[in-house]
Amino acid sequence: MTRAEFDNTKFSKGMRVRINTTIFAEILAVNFENRTIGVRISTEHEQLQWFNCSVCEIIIGKRS
């Protein structure tokens, strides 16, 4: 996702993201200043993991 795509995305509850084409996760937080997306990869990690928008693709309501 480019910076422009990130800036123009209307983030909402239930949105999912594909990270580096292999990881699927629900978006739990967004940092607009740094253009990063926060997800929890597994239940073992209590803290969010943050990814730059350039390695993310928004998937809305499905896995592809």
PDB file of N, CA and C in Angstrom:
ATOM      1  N   MET A   1       0.850  -1.160   0.000  1.00  0.00           N
ATOM      2  CA  MET A   1       0.000   0.000   0.000  1.00  0.00           C
ATOM      3  C   MET A   1       0.902   1.230   0.000  1.00  0.00           C
ATOM      4  N   THR A   2       0.588   2.165  -0.855  1.00  0.00           N
ATOM      5  CA  THR A   2       1.371   3.398  -0.906  1.00  0.00           C
ATOM      6  C   THR A   2       0.929   4.345   0.205  1.00  0.00           C
ATOM      7  N   ARG A   3       1.721   5.381   0.422  1.00  0.00           N
ATOM      8  CA  ARG A   3       1.343   6.388   1.421  1.00  0.00           C
ATOM      9  C   ARG A   3       0.017   7.047   1.058  1.00  0.00           C
ATOM     10  N   ALA A   4      -0.175   7.327  -0.220  1.00  0.00           N
ATOM     11  CA  ALA A   4      -1.421   7.957  -0.670  1.00  0.00           C
ATOM     12  C   ALA A   4      -2.613   7.033  -0.426  1.00  0.00           C
ATOM     13  N   GLU A   5      -2.454   5.734  -0.700  1.00  0.00           N
ATOM     14  CA  GLU A   5      -3.526   4.777  -0.444  1.00  0.00           C
ATOM     15  C   GLU A   5      -3.842   4.721   1.050  1.00  0.00           C
ATOM     16  N   PHE A   6      -2.808   4.713   1.888  1.00  0.00           N
ATOM     17  CA  PHE A   6      -3.003   4.711   3.337  1.00  0.00           C
ATOM     18  C   PHE A   6      -3.785   5.955   3.761  1.00  0.00           C
ATOM     19  N   ASP A   7      -3.346   7.109   3.275  1.00  0.00           N
ATOM     20  CA  ASP A   7      -3.995   8.370   3.649  1.00  0.00           C
ATOM     21  C   ASP A   7      -5.453   8.431   3.217  1.00  0.00           C
ATOM     22  N   ASN A   8      -5.807   7.747   2.135  1.00  0.00           N
ATOM     23  CA  ASN A   8      -7.171   7.794   1.602  1.00  0.00           C
ATOM     24  C   ASN A   8      -8.051   6.642   2.068  1.00  0.00           C
ATOM     25  N   THR A   9      -7.516   5.734   2.867  1.00  0.00           N
ATOM     26  CA  THR A   9      -8.288   4.602   3.360  1.00  0.00           C
ATOM     27  C   THR A   9      -9.147   5.032   4.542  1.00  0.00           C
ATOM     28  N   LYS A  10     -10.397   4.632   4.502  1.00  0.00           N
ATOM     29  CA  LYS A  10     -11.302   4.875   5.627  1.00  0.00           C
ATOM     30  C   LYS A  10     -11.309   3.599   6.466  1.00  0.00           C
ATOM     31  N   PHE A  11     -10.468   3.576   7.476  1.00  0.00           N
ATOM     32  CA  PHE A  11     -10.327   2.397   8.330  1.00  0.00           C
ATOM     33  C   PHE A  11     -11.581   2.220   9.171  1.00  0.00           C
ATOM     34  N   SER A  12     -12.009   0.957   9.306  1.00  0.00           N
ATOM     35  CA  SER A  12     -13.195   0.676  10.103  1.00  0.00           C
ATOM     36  C   SER A  12     -13.055  -0.698  10.769  1.00  0.00           C
ATOM     37  N   LYS A  13     -13.907  -0.925  11.734  1.00  0.00           N
ATOM     38  CA  LYS A  13     -13.893  -2.180  12.481  1.00  0.00           C
ATOM     39  C   LYS A  13     -14.084  -3.358  11.529  1.00  0.00           C
ATOM     40  N   GLY A  14     -13.326  -4.415  11.774  1.00  0.00           N
ATOM     41  CA  GLY A  14     -13.463  -5.623  10.975  1.00  0.00           C
ATOM     42  C   GLY A  14     -12.551  -5.694   9.760  1.00  0.00           C
ATOM     43  N   MET A  15     -11.804  -4.641   9.506  1.00  0.00           N
ATOM     44  CA  MET A  15     -10.899  -4.664   8.363  1.00  0.00           C
ATOM     45  C   MET A  15      -9.727  -5.591   8.657  1.00  0.00           C
ATOM     46  N   ARG A  16      -9.293  -6.270   7.616  1.00  0.00           N
ATOM     47  CA  ARG A  16      -8.156  -7.173   7.733  1.00  0.00           C
ATOM     48  C   ARG A  16      -7.052  -6.683   6.812  1.00  0.00           C
ATOM     49  N   VAL A  17      -5.865  -7.178   7.095  1.00  0.00           N
ATOM     50  CA  VAL A  17      -4.702  -6.768   6.322  1.00  0.00           C
ATOM     51  C   VAL A  17      -3.869  -7.999   5.983  1.00  0.00           C
ATOM     52  N   ARG A  18      -3.279  -7.976   4.803  1.00  0.00           N
ATOM     53  CA  ARG A  18      -2.307  -8.999   4.424  1.00  0.00           C
ATOM     54  C   ARG A  18      -0.953  -8.315   4.472  1.00  0.00           C
ATOM     55  N   ILE A  19      -0.029  -8.916   5.221  1.00  0.00           N
ATOM     56  CA  ILE A  19       1.296  -8.323   5.423  1.00  0.00           C
ATOM     57  C   ILE A  19       2.328  -9.188   4.717  1.00  0.00           C
ATOM     58  N   ASN A  20       3.142  -8.549   3.884  1.00  0.00           N
ATOM     59  CA  ASN A  20       4.188  -9.270   3.135  1.00  0.00           C
ATOM     60  C   ASN A  20       3.643 -10.478   2.391  1.00  0.00           C
ATOM     61  N   THR A  21       2.427 -10.401   1.915  1.00  0.00           N
ATOM     62  CA  THR A  21       1.727 -11.441   1.135  1.00  0.00           C
ATOM     63  C   THR A  21       1.510 -12.760   1.868  1.00  0.00           C
ATOM     64  N   THR A  22       1.903 -12.886   3.137  1.00  0.00           N
ATOM     65  CA  THR A  22       1.772 -14.176   3.818  1.00  0.00           C
ATOM     66  C   THR A  22       0.998 -14.139   5.124  1.00  0.00           C
ATOM     67  N   ILE A  23       0.955 -13.024   5.804  1.00  0.00           N
ATOM     68  CA  ILE A  23       0.318 -12.936   7.122  1.00  0.00           C
ATOM     69  C   ILE A  23      -1.029 -12.232   6.974  1.00  0.00           C
ATOM     70  N   PHE A  24      -2.089 -12.846   7.494  1.00  0.00           N
ATOM     71  CA  PHE A  24      -3.410 -12.232   7.516  1.00  0.00           C
ATOM     72  C   PHE A  24      -3.759 -11.919   8.968  1.00  0.00           C
ATOM     73  N   ALA A  25      -4.274 -10.715   9.219  1.00  0.00           N
ATOM     74  CA  ALA A  25      -4.632 -10.345  10.584  1.00  0.00           C
ATOM     75  C   ALA A  25      -5.680  -9.239  10.561  1.00  0.00           C
ATOM     76  N   GLU A  26      -6.423  -9.143  11.661  1.00  0.00           N
ATOM     77  CA  GLU A  26      -7.381  -8.052  11.813  1.00  0.00           C
ATOM     78  C   GLU A  26      -6.631  -6.795  12.230  1.00  0.00           C
ATOM     79  N   ILE A  27      -7.009  -5.675  11.650  1.00  0.00           N
ATOM     80  CA  ILE A  27      -6.405  -4.394  12.025  1.00  0.00           C
ATOM     81  C   ILE A  27      -6.981  -3.986  13.374  1.00  0.00           C
ATOM     82  N   LEU A  28      -6.095  -3.773  14.354  1.00  0.00           N
ATOM     83  CA  LEU A  28      -6.536  -3.394  15.694  1.00  0.00           C
ATOM     84  C   LEU A  28      -6.247  -1.938  16.014  1.00  0.00           C
ATOM     85  N   ALA A  29      -5.292  -1.340  15.301  1.00  0.00           N
ATOM     86  CA  ALA A  29      -4.947   0.062  15.538  1.00  0.00           C
ATOM     87  C   ALA A  29      -4.251   0.620  14.309  1.00  0.00           C
ATOM     88  N   VAL A  30      -4.329   1.929  14.176  1.00  0.00           N
ATOM     89  CA  VAL A  30      -3.668   2.617  13.066  1.00  0.00           C
ATOM     90  C   VAL A  30      -2.949   3.832  13.620  1.00  0.00           C
ATOM     91  N   ASN A  31      -1.698   4.023  13.206  1.00  0.00           N
ATOM     92  CA  ASN A  31      -0.941   5.206  13.585  1.00  0.00           C
ATOM     93  C   ASN A  31      -0.805   6.063  12.328  1.00  0.00           C
ATOM     94  N   PHE A  32      -1.618   7.113  12.264  1.00  0.00           N
ATOM     95  CA  PHE A  32      -1.665   7.939  11.059  1.00  0.00           C
ATOM     96  C   PHE A  32      -0.386   8.754  10.873  1.00  0.00           C
ATOM     97  N   GLU A  33       0.219   9.183  11.960  1.00  0.00           N
ATOM     98  CA  GLU A  33       1.442   9.987  11.864  1.00  0.00           C
ATOM     99  C   GLU A  33       2.586   9.192  11.234  1.00  0.00           C
ATOM    100  N   ASN A  34       2.728   7.932  11.644  1.00  0.00           N
ATOM    101  CA  ASN A  34       3.821   7.098  11.134  1.00  0.00           C
ATOM    102  C   ASN A  34       3.410   6.204   9.964  1.00  0.00           C
ATOM    103  N   ARG A  35       2.113   6.243   9.614  1.00  0.00           N
ATOM    104  CA  ARG A  35       1.556   5.393   8.559  1.00  0.00           C
ATOM    105  C   ARG A  35       1.858   3.915   8.820  1.00  0.00           C
ATOM    106  N   THR A  36       1.527   3.476  10.026  1.00  0.00           N
ATOM    107  CA  THR A  36       1.721   2.091  10.407  1.00  0.00           C
ATOM    108  C   THR A  36       0.395   1.471  10.845  1.00  0.00           C
ATOM    109  N   ILE A  37       0.344   0.142  10.745  1.00  0.00           N
ATOM    110  CA  ILE A  37      -0.856  -0.610  11.080  1.00  0.00           C
ATOM    111  C   ILE A  37      -0.500  -1.591  12.191  1.00  0.00           C
ATOM    112  N   GLY A  38      -1.307  -1.600  13.243  1.00  0.00           N
ATOM    113  CA  GLY A  38      -1.071  -2.468  14.391  1.00  0.00           C
ATOM    114  C   GLY A  38      -1.963  -3.695  14.354  1.00  0.00           C
ATOM    115  N   VAL A  39      -1.333  -4.863  14.492  1.00  0.00           N
ATOM    116  CA  VAL A  39      -2.064  -6.132  14.494  1.00  0.00           C
ATOM    117  C   VAL A  39      -1.514  -7.030  15.597  1.00  0.00           C
ATOM    118  N   ARG A  40      -2.266  -8.040  15.937  1.00  0.00           N
ATOM    119  CA  ARG A  40      -1.789  -9.074  16.853  1.00  0.00           C
ATOM    120  C   ARG A  40      -1.674 -10.342  16.024  1.00  0.00           C
ATOM    121  N   ILE A  41      -0.447 -10.806  15.834  1.00  0.00           N
ATOM    122  CA  ILE A  41      -0.181 -11.947  14.973  1.00  0.00           C
ATOM    123  C   ILE A  41      -0.699 -13.248  15.583  1.00  0.00           C
ATOM    124  N   SER A  42      -0.518 -13.427  16.870  1.00  0.00           N
ATOM    125  CA  SER A  42      -1.000 -14.639  17.534  1.00  0.00           C
ATOM    126  C   SER A  42      -1.461 -14.290  18.935  1.00  0.00           C
ATOM    127  N   THR A  43      -2.150 -15.211  19.564  1.00  0.00           N
ATOM    128  CA  THR A  43      -2.642 -14.964  20.920  1.00  0.00           C
ATOM    129  C   THR A  43      -1.512 -14.963  21.939  1.00  0.00           C
ATOM    130  N   GLU A  44      -0.349 -15.469  21.561  1.00  0.00           N
ATOM    131  CA  GLU A  44       0.794 -15.482  22.474  1.00  0.00           C
ATOM    132  C   GLU A  44       1.391 -14.088  22.663  1.00  0.00           C
ATOM    133  N   HIS A  45       1.217 -13.217  21.685  1.00  0.00           N
ATOM    134  CA  HIS A  45       1.758 -11.857  21.755  1.00  0.00           C
ATOM    135  C   HIS A  45       0.681 -10.920  22.284  1.00  0.00           C
ATOM    136  N   GLU A  46       0.912 -10.378  23.461  1.00  0.00           N
ATOM    137  CA  GLU A  46      -0.070  -9.457  24.026  1.00  0.00           C
ATOM    138  C   GLU A  46       0.030  -8.077  23.397  1.00  0.00           C
ATOM    139  N   GLN A  47       1.237  -7.668  23.045  1.00  0.00           N
ATOM    140  CA  GLN A  47       1.421  -6.349  22.456  1.00  0.00           C
ATOM    141  C   GLN A  47       1.149  -6.399  20.955  1.00  0.00           C
ATOM    142  N   LEU A  48       0.744  -5.259  20.444  1.00  0.00           N
ATOM    143  CA  LEU A  48       0.540  -5.156  19.002  1.00  0.00           C
ATOM    144  C   LEU A  48       1.884  -5.135  18.293  1.00  0.00           C
ATOM    145  N   GLN A  49       1.890  -5.663  17.099  1.00  0.00           N
ATOM    146  CA  GLN A  49       3.054  -5.541  16.238  1.00  0.00           C
ATOM    147  C   GLN A  49       2.681  -4.541  15.154  1.00  0.00           C
ATOM    148  N   TRP A  50       3.597  -3.626  14.874  1.00  0.00           N
ATOM    149  CA  TRP A  50       3.336  -2.525  13.952  1.00  0.00           C
ATOM    150  C   TRP A  50       4.075  -2.746  12.644  1.00  0.00           C
ATOM    151  N   PHE A  51       3.379  -2.501  11.533  1.00  0.00           N
ATOM    152  CA  PHE A  51       3.947  -2.686  10.208  1.00  0.00           C
ATOM    153  C   PHE A  51       3.756  -1.423   9.389  1.00  0.00           C
ATOM    154  N   ASN A  52       4.771  -1.063   8.648  1.00  0.00           N
ATOM    155  CA  ASN A  52       4.704   0.076   7.747  1.00  0.00           C
ATOM    156  C   ASN A  52       3.682  -0.224   6.652  1.00  0.00           C
ATOM    157  N   CYS A  53       2.961   0.789   6.225  1.00  0.00           N
ATOM    158  CA  CYS A  53       1.912   0.583   5.226  1.00  0.00           C
ATOM    159  C   CYS A  53       2.460   0.013   3.914  1.00  0.00           C
ATOM    160  N   SER A  54       3.732   0.219   3.635  1.00  0.00           N
ATOM    161  CA  SER A  54       4.300  -0.245   2.364  1.00  0.00           C
ATOM    162  C   SER A  54       4.343  -1.772   2.253  1.00  0.00           C
ATOM    163  N   VAL A  55       4.227  -2.491   3.361  1.00  0.00           N
ATOM    164  CA  VAL A  55       4.234  -3.959   3.317  1.00  0.00           C
ATOM    165  C   VAL A  55       2.837  -4.535   3.534  1.00  0.00           C
ATOM    166  N   CYS A  56       1.812  -3.673   3.511  1.00  0.00           N
ATOM    167  CA  CYS A  56       0.451  -4.093   3.821  1.00  0.00           C
ATOM    168  C   CYS A  56      -0.481  -3.940   2.616  1.00  0.00           C
ATOM    169  N   GLU A  57      -1.479  -4.829   2.588  1.00  0.00           N
ATOM    170  CA  GLU A  57      -2.566  -4.735   1.630  1.00  0.00           C
ATOM    171  C   GLU A  57      -3.861  -4.927   2.408  1.00  0.00           C
ATOM    172  N   ILE A  58      -4.786  -4.006   2.263  1.00  0.00           N
ATOM    173  CA  ILE A  58      -6.056  -4.090   2.984  1.00  0.00           C
ATOM    174  C   ILE A  58      -6.933  -5.158   2.345  1.00  0.00           C
ATOM    175  N   ILE A  59      -7.464  -6.029   3.186  1.00  0.00           N
ATOM    176  CA  ILE A  59      -8.418  -7.055   2.767  1.00  0.00           C
ATOM    177  C   ILE A  59      -9.670  -6.796   3.592  1.00  0.00           C
ATOM    178  N   ILE A  60     -10.786  -6.515   2.962  1.00  0.00           N
ATOM    179  CA  ILE A  60     -11.994  -6.165   3.710  1.00  0.00           C
ATOM    180  C   ILE A  60     -12.919  -7.379   3.785  1.00  0.00           C
ATOM    181  N   GLY A  61     -13.003  -7.957   5.000  1.00  0.00           N
ATOM    182  CA  GLY A  61     -13.967  -8.998   5.280  1.00  0.00           C
ATOM    183  C   GLY A  61     -13.722 -10.359   4.675  1.00  0.00           C
ATOM    184  N   LYS A  62     -12.544 -10.620   4.114  1.00  0.00           N
ATOM    185  CA  LYS A  62     -12.295 -11.945   3.545  1.00  0.00           C
ATOM    186  C   LYS A  62     -10.812 -12.220   3.472  1.00  0.00           C
ATOM    187  N   ARG A  63     -10.470 -13.465   3.301  1.00  0.00           N
ATOM    188  CA  ARG A  63      -9.100 -13.866   3.023  1.00  0.00           C
ATOM    189  C   ARG A  63      -8.996 -14.158   1.549  1.00  0.00           C
ATOM    190  N   SER A  64      -7.889 -13.742   0.939  1.00  0.00           N
ATOM    191  CA  SER A  64      -7.717 -14.061  -0.472  1.00  0.00           C
ATOM    192  C   SER A  64      -6.392 -14.707  -0.715  1.00  0.00           C
TER     193      SER A  64
END
